[in-house]
């Protein structure tokens, strides 16, 4: 895959739509954005951590059922989109990948 660069030589961000993300997960990503700098960086860090796991982390069954589901629009780097696409068959849907992202970031904070 060729990398798209803007005029300053920085990778272009691509706006991406992720359906069926629990409201609680979106809120947690927004809270972590204060630490990491932006929601895009939060998702980038979480997907990088997930892809390096030897086996998929378990997403709490309750998290799959609870609360209202929303659509998340987020501008991501092409590498992060590739990782989301690679993780989707492992977790089922992109919404469940986002739940796994929330879970791994929650566990990372306990270290």
C-alpha atoms as a PDB file:
ATOM      1  CA  UNK A   1       0.000   0.000   0.000  1.00  0.00           C
ATOM      2  CA  UNK A   2       1.387   3.368  -0.949  1.00  0.00           C
ATOM      3  CA  UNK A   3       1.288   6.024   1.709  1.00  0.00           C
ATOM      4  CA  UNK A   4      -0.615   9.189   0.913  1.00  0.00           C
ATOM      5  CA  UNK A   5       1.217  12.269   2.113  1.00  0.00           C
ATOM      6  CA  UNK A   6       0.008  15.822   2.371  1.00  0.00           C
ATOM      7  CA  UNK A   7       2.094  18.818   1.265  1.00  0.00           C
ATOM      8  CA  UNK A   8       4.081  18.782   4.523  1.00  0.00           C
ATOM      9  CA  UNK A   9       5.051  15.116   4.074  1.00  0.00           C
ATOM     10  CA  UNK A  10       2.727  13.866   6.814  1.00  0.00           C
ATOM     11  CA  UNK A  11       0.399  10.899   6.297  1.00  0.00           C
ATOM     12  CA  UNK A  12      -3.121  11.927   5.321  1.00  0.00           C
ATOM     13  CA  UNK A  13      -5.923  11.080   7.700  1.00  0.00           C
ATOM     14  CA  UNK A  14      -8.942   9.244   6.333  1.00  0.00           C
ATOM     15  CA  UNK A  15     -12.355   9.759   7.919  1.00  0.00           C
ATOM     16  CA  UNK A  16     -13.683   6.361   8.872  1.00  0.00           C
ATOM     17  CA  UNK A  17     -17.120   5.233  10.033  1.00  0.00           C
ATOM     18  CA  UNK A  18     -17.442   2.558  12.713  1.00  0.00           C
ATOM     19  CA  UNK A  19     -20.968   1.310  13.457  1.00  0.00           C
ATOM     20  CA  UNK A  20     -22.417  -0.290  16.593  1.00  0.00           C
ATOM     21  CA  UNK A  21     -19.968   1.109  19.123  1.00  0.00           C
ATOM     22  CA  UNK A  22     -21.366   1.200  22.671  1.00  0.00           C
ATOM     23  CA  UNK A  23     -21.826   4.690  24.037  1.00  0.00           C
ATOM     24  CA  UNK A  24     -19.705   3.704  27.069  1.00  0.00           C
ATOM     25  CA  UNK A  25     -16.771   2.785  24.804  1.00  0.00           C
ATOM     26  CA  UNK A  26     -17.011   6.096  22.918  1.00  0.00           C
ATOM     27  CA  UNK A  27     -17.040   7.973  26.231  1.00  0.00           C
ATOM     28  CA  UNK A  28     -13.973   6.054  27.454  1.00  0.00           C
ATOM     29  CA  UNK A  29     -12.094   6.797  24.195  1.00  0.00           C
ATOM     30  CA  UNK A  30     -12.951  10.492  24.643  1.00  0.00           C
ATOM     31  CA  UNK A  31     -11.632  10.427  28.219  1.00  0.00           C
ATOM     32  CA  UNK A  32      -8.383   8.719  27.145  1.00  0.00           C
ATOM     33  CA  UNK A  33      -7.959  11.364  24.421  1.00  0.00           C
ATOM     34  CA  UNK A  34      -7.000  13.815  27.169  1.00  0.00           C
ATOM     35  CA  UNK A  35      -4.039  11.555  27.999  1.00  0.00           C
ATOM     36  CA  UNK A  36      -3.002  10.544  24.462  1.00  0.00           C
ATOM     37  CA  UNK A  37      -3.791  13.791  22.615  1.00  0.00           C
ATOM     38  CA  UNK A  38      -6.692  12.786  20.347  1.00  0.00           C
ATOM     39  CA  UNK A  39      -9.242  10.048  19.742  1.00  0.00           C
ATOM     40  CA  UNK A  40      -7.326   8.958  16.634  1.00  0.00           C
ATOM     41  CA  UNK A  41      -4.195   8.367  18.707  1.00  0.00           C
ATOM     42  CA  UNK A  42      -6.191   6.450  21.329  1.00  0.00           C
ATOM     43  CA  UNK A  43      -7.544   4.112  18.625  1.00  0.00           C
ATOM     44  CA  UNK A  44      -4.073   3.831  17.055  1.00  0.00           C
ATOM     45  CA  UNK A  45      -2.460   2.835  20.380  1.00  0.00           C
ATOM     46  CA  UNK A  46      -5.240   0.367  21.202  1.00  0.00           C
ATOM     47  CA  UNK A  47      -5.158  -1.346  17.788  1.00  0.00           C
ATOM     48  CA  UNK A  48      -1.357  -1.616  17.958  1.00  0.00           C
ATOM     49  CA  UNK A  49      -1.674  -3.261  21.378  1.00  0.00           C
ATOM     50  CA  UNK A  50      -4.438  -5.617  20.184  1.00  0.00           C
ATOM     51  CA  UNK A  51      -2.573  -6.751  17.076  1.00  0.00           C
ATOM     52  CA  UNK A  52       0.424  -7.735  19.232  1.00  0.00           C
ATOM     53  CA  UNK A  53      -1.607  -9.960  21.566  1.00  0.00           C
ATOM     54  CA  UNK A  54      -0.841 -13.666  21.187  1.00  0.00           C
ATOM     55  CA  UNK A  55      -4.527 -14.462  21.564  1.00  0.00           C
ATOM     56  CA  UNK A  56      -7.576 -12.190  21.429  1.00  0.00           C
ATOM     57  CA  UNK A  57      -8.523 -10.507  24.673  1.00  0.00           C
ATOM     58  CA  UNK A  58     -11.925 -11.358  26.024  1.00  0.00           C
ATOM     59  CA  UNK A  59     -14.519  -8.620  25.704  1.00  0.00           C
ATOM     60  CA  UNK A  60     -16.911  -8.694  28.611  1.00  0.00           C
ATOM     61  CA  UNK A  61     -20.167 -10.312  27.487  1.00  0.00           C
ATOM     62  CA  UNK A  62     -22.067  -7.638  29.404  1.00  0.00           C
ATOM     63  CA  UNK A  63     -20.321  -4.920  27.364  1.00  0.00           C
ATOM     64  CA  UNK A  64     -21.673  -6.452  24.152  1.00  0.00           C
ATOM     65  CA  UNK A  65     -25.249  -6.258  25.409  1.00  0.00           C
ATOM     66  CA  UNK A  66     -25.327  -3.100  27.474  1.00  0.00           C
ATOM     67  CA  UNK A  67     -26.277   0.391  26.521  1.00  0.00           C
ATOM     68  CA  UNK A  68     -27.033   2.287  23.394  1.00  0.00           C
ATOM     69  CA  UNK A  69     -24.959   1.675  20.253  1.00  0.00           C
ATOM     70  CA  UNK A  70     -23.755   4.629  18.206  1.00  0.00           C
ATOM     71  CA  UNK A  71     -21.782   5.327  15.058  1.00  0.00           C
ATOM     72  CA  UNK A  72     -18.291   6.738  15.530  1.00  0.00           C
ATOM     73  CA  UNK A  73     -16.815   8.954  12.819  1.00  0.00           C
ATOM     74  CA  UNK A  74     -13.077   9.333  13.294  1.00  0.00           C
ATOM     75  CA  UNK A  75     -10.134  10.426  11.157  1.00  0.00           C
ATOM     76  CA  UNK A  76      -7.501   7.675  11.190  1.00  0.00           C
ATOM     77  CA  UNK A  77      -4.155   7.004   9.574  1.00  0.00           C
ATOM     78  CA  UNK A  78      -4.122   4.318   6.861  1.00  0.00           C
ATOM     79  CA  UNK A  79      -2.092   1.941   9.110  1.00  0.00           C
ATOM     80  CA  UNK A  80      -4.754   2.112  11.834  1.00  0.00           C
ATOM     81  CA  UNK A  81      -7.480   1.320   9.285  1.00  0.00           C
ATOM     82  CA  UNK A  82      -5.435  -1.675   8.105  1.00  0.00           C
ATOM     83  CA  UNK A  83      -5.180  -2.928  11.684  1.00  0.00           C
ATOM     84  CA  UNK A  84      -8.922  -2.472  12.225  1.00  0.00           C
ATOM     85  CA  UNK A  85      -9.555  -4.516   9.075  1.00  0.00           C
ATOM     86  CA  UNK A  86      -7.169  -7.260  10.270  1.00  0.00           C
ATOM     87  CA  UNK A  87      -8.799  -7.368  13.716  1.00  0.00           C
ATOM     88  CA  UNK A  88     -12.398  -7.469  12.433  1.00  0.00           C
ATOM     89  CA  UNK A  89     -12.408 -11.225  11.577  1.00  0.00           C
ATOM     90  CA  UNK A  90     -10.940 -11.972  15.021  1.00  0.00           C
ATOM     91  CA  UNK A  91     -13.556 -10.023  17.000  1.00  0.00           C
ATOM     92  CA  UNK A  92     -16.540 -10.205  14.620  1.00  0.00           C
ATOM     93  CA  UNK A  93     -17.447  -6.596  13.856  1.00  0.00           C
ATOM     94  CA  UNK A  94     -15.681  -3.251  13.957  1.00  0.00           C
ATOM     95  CA  UNK A  95     -17.893  -2.298  16.891  1.00  0.00           C
ATOM     96  CA  UNK A  96     -16.560  -5.296  18.811  1.00  0.00           C
ATOM     97  CA  UNK A  97     -12.995  -4.352  17.824  1.00  0.00           C
ATOM     98  CA  UNK A  98     -13.669  -0.951  19.395  1.00  0.00           C
ATOM     99  CA  UNK A  99     -14.980  -2.686  22.535  1.00  0.00           C
ATOM    100  CA  UNK A 100     -11.720  -4.699  22.631  1.00  0.00           C
ATOM    101  CA  UNK A 101      -9.804  -1.407  22.231  1.00  0.00           C
ATOM    102  CA  UNK A 102     -11.660  -0.025  25.241  1.00  0.00           C
ATOM    103  CA  UNK A 103     -10.989  -3.195  27.221  1.00  0.00           C
ATOM    104  CA  UNK A 104      -7.246  -3.232  26.493  1.00  0.00           C
ATOM    105  CA  UNK A 105      -6.905   0.446  27.392  1.00  0.00           C
ATOM    106  CA  UNK A 106      -8.854  -0.121  30.614  1.00  0.00           C
ATOM    107  CA  UNK A 107      -6.499  -3.007  31.518  1.00  0.00           C
ATOM    108  CA  UNK A 108      -3.420  -0.984  30.488  1.00  0.00           C
ATOM    109  CA  UNK A 109      -4.380   1.684  33.019  1.00  0.00           C
ATOM    110  CA  UNK A 110      -4.258  -0.891  35.833  1.00  0.00           C
ATOM    111  CA  UNK A 111      -0.578  -1.765  35.185  1.00  0.00           C
END
